[in-house]
Amino acid sequence: MAANSVRRLLVPLYDRVLINPLKPSNTTTSGIVLPESATQSDTLTGEVIAVGKDNVAVTVGDTVLLPPHSTDNIQFNGKDYVLIAEQEILGILRDTDKPLKTVKKHSSIPDIENPPS
């Protein structure tokens, strides 16, 4: 393998999460094509592609909701990514037909499946 073809991996440290940002669809489910101005949003979603060792709630493959302007956009291997601390992620988007993943218990994460009476 030639020295200039070495592939590198980006491994987030601590509670950082590496996210591949997803572009909003410009076509509705019924096939209507929306103008670009209608698909622009202050919020961003993305797919988690790597997590640091101190992450508690998100795992690789999750689709997450990110805050509008507090993300660190980086370029790596010619692609755009978002590198963000786990605590800055606003939420995890789940399909309603899939069961919820069990999250490691942590004192700052409320148990939404079994709320207090």
Protein backbone atom coordinates (compact mmCIF):
# COMPACT_ATOMS: atom_id res chain seq x y z
CA MET A 1 0.00 0.00 0.00
CA ALA A 2 1.42 3.40 -0.95
CA ALA A 3 2.07 5.90 1.83
CA ASN A 4 -0.38 8.43 0.38
CA SER A 5 -3.27 5.92 0.34
CA VAL A 6 -3.29 5.26 4.10
CA ARG A 7 -6.83 5.52 5.44
CA ARG A 8 -7.25 7.24 8.78
CA LEU A 9 -10.04 6.94 11.33
CA LEU A 10 -11.27 9.76 13.52
CA VAL A 11 -11.95 8.50 17.04
CA PRO A 12 -13.79 11.00 19.28
CA LEU A 13 -12.35 11.52 22.76
CA TYR A 14 -14.23 11.44 26.08
CA ASP A 15 -17.92 12.32 25.58
CA ARG A 16 -17.57 13.61 22.01
CA VAL A 17 -19.78 12.25 19.23
CA LEU A 18 -18.92 12.23 15.52
CA ILE A 19 -22.02 12.78 13.39
CA ASN A 20 -22.66 12.56 9.67
CA PRO A 21 -25.15 15.43 9.08
CA LEU A 22 -28.28 14.46 7.15
CA LYS A 23 -29.71 16.86 4.60
CA PRO A 24 -33.47 17.41 4.83
CA SER A 25 -35.47 15.88 2.00
CA ASN A 26 -36.83 18.33 -0.54
CA THR A 27 -39.60 15.93 -1.56
CA THR A 28 -42.66 15.15 0.56
CA THR A 29 -43.94 11.60 1.03
CA SER A 30 -46.61 12.32 -1.60
CA GLY A 31 -43.95 13.37 -4.15
CA ILE A 32 -44.25 17.16 -3.98
CA VAL A 33 -40.87 18.83 -4.55
CA LEU A 34 -40.27 21.67 -2.11
CA PRO A 35 -38.13 24.73 -2.85
CA GLU A 36 -34.78 24.96 -1.04
CA SER A 37 -36.06 27.80 1.18
CA ALA A 38 -38.79 25.49 2.53
CA THR A 39 -36.34 22.77 3.55
CA GLN A 40 -33.88 25.03 5.37
CA SER A 41 -34.11 24.60 9.11
CA ASP A 42 -32.33 25.88 12.18
CA THR A 43 -32.16 22.36 13.55
CA LEU A 44 -30.00 19.64 12.12
CA THR A 45 -30.25 15.88 12.24
CA GLY A 46 -27.47 13.42 11.71
CA GLU A 47 -26.36 9.84 12.08
CA VAL A 48 -23.91 8.95 14.84
CA ILE A 49 -20.89 7.28 13.25
CA ALA A 50 -18.46 7.21 16.21
CA VAL A 51 -18.60 7.88 19.95
CA GLY A 52 -16.03 8.55 22.64
CA LYS A 53 -15.52 6.15 25.54
CA ASP A 54 -17.45 8.32 28.05
CA ASN A 55 -20.77 8.38 26.15
CA VAL A 56 -23.84 7.30 28.06
CA ALA A 57 -26.94 7.72 25.90
CA VAL A 58 -26.06 7.63 22.19
CA THR A 59 -24.67 4.75 20.18
CA VAL A 60 -23.35 4.34 16.66
CA GLY A 61 -26.26 4.28 14.20
CA ASP A 62 -28.57 6.57 16.22
CA THR A 63 -30.19 9.50 14.43
CA VAL A 64 -29.89 12.59 16.63
CA LEU A 65 -31.28 16.11 16.74
CA LEU A 66 -28.60 18.80 17.05
CA PRO A 67 -28.83 22.41 18.25
CA PRO A 68 -28.89 25.10 15.56
CA HIS A 69 -25.61 26.96 16.00
CA SER A 70 -23.48 25.29 18.65
CA THR A 71 -21.91 22.55 16.58
CA ASP A 72 -18.31 22.08 15.53
CA ASN A 73 -18.30 21.40 11.81
CA ILE A 74 -15.17 19.65 10.63
CA GLN A 75 -13.88 18.20 7.38
CA PHE A 76 -12.18 14.82 7.44
CA ASN A 77 -11.18 12.68 4.45
CA GLY A 78 -13.01 15.15 2.19
CA LYS A 79 -16.38 14.87 3.99
CA ASP A 80 -18.22 17.23 6.32
CA TYR A 81 -18.96 16.02 9.84
CA VAL A 82 -20.18 17.45 13.14
CA LEU A 83 -18.13 16.79 16.29
CA ILE A 84 -20.13 17.61 19.40
CA ALA A 85 -20.24 16.83 23.12
CA GLU A 86 -22.95 14.30 23.97
CA GLN A 87 -24.62 16.69 26.41
CA GLU A 88 -25.24 19.18 23.57
CA ILE A 89 -27.35 16.69 21.60
CA LEU A 90 -31.02 17.65 21.90
CA GLY A 91 -32.50 14.21 21.41
CA ILE A 92 -32.43 10.83 19.72
CA LEU A 93 -34.95 10.26 16.93
CA ARG A 94 -36.51 6.79 17.07
CA ASP A 95 -38.90 5.02 14.72
CA THR A 96 -42.13 4.26 16.57
CA ASP A 97 -42.23 0.66 15.32
CA LYS A 98 -38.84 -0.17 16.86
CA PRO A 99 -38.34 -0.89 20.58
CA LEU A 100 -36.46 1.67 22.64
CA LYS A 101 -32.85 0.85 23.45
CA THR A 102 -32.00 0.51 27.09
CA VAL A 103 -29.80 3.37 28.23
CA LYS A 104 -27.12 2.92 30.86
CA LYS A 105 -28.37 4.30 34.15
CA HIS A 106 -26.89 7.68 35.00
CA SER A 107 -28.02 10.07 37.71
CA SER A 108 -28.64 12.95 35.27
CA ILE A 109 -30.72 10.92 32.79
CA PRO A 110 -34.39 10.53 33.80
CA ASP A 111 -36.08 7.17 33.30
CA ILE A 112 -38.85 8.11 30.87
CA GLU A 113 -40.18 4.54 30.63
CA ASN A 114 -40.93 4.42 34.38
CA PRO A 115 -41.66 7.98 35.55
CA PRO A 116 -42.02 8.59 39.30
CA SER A 117 -45.60 8.39 40.62
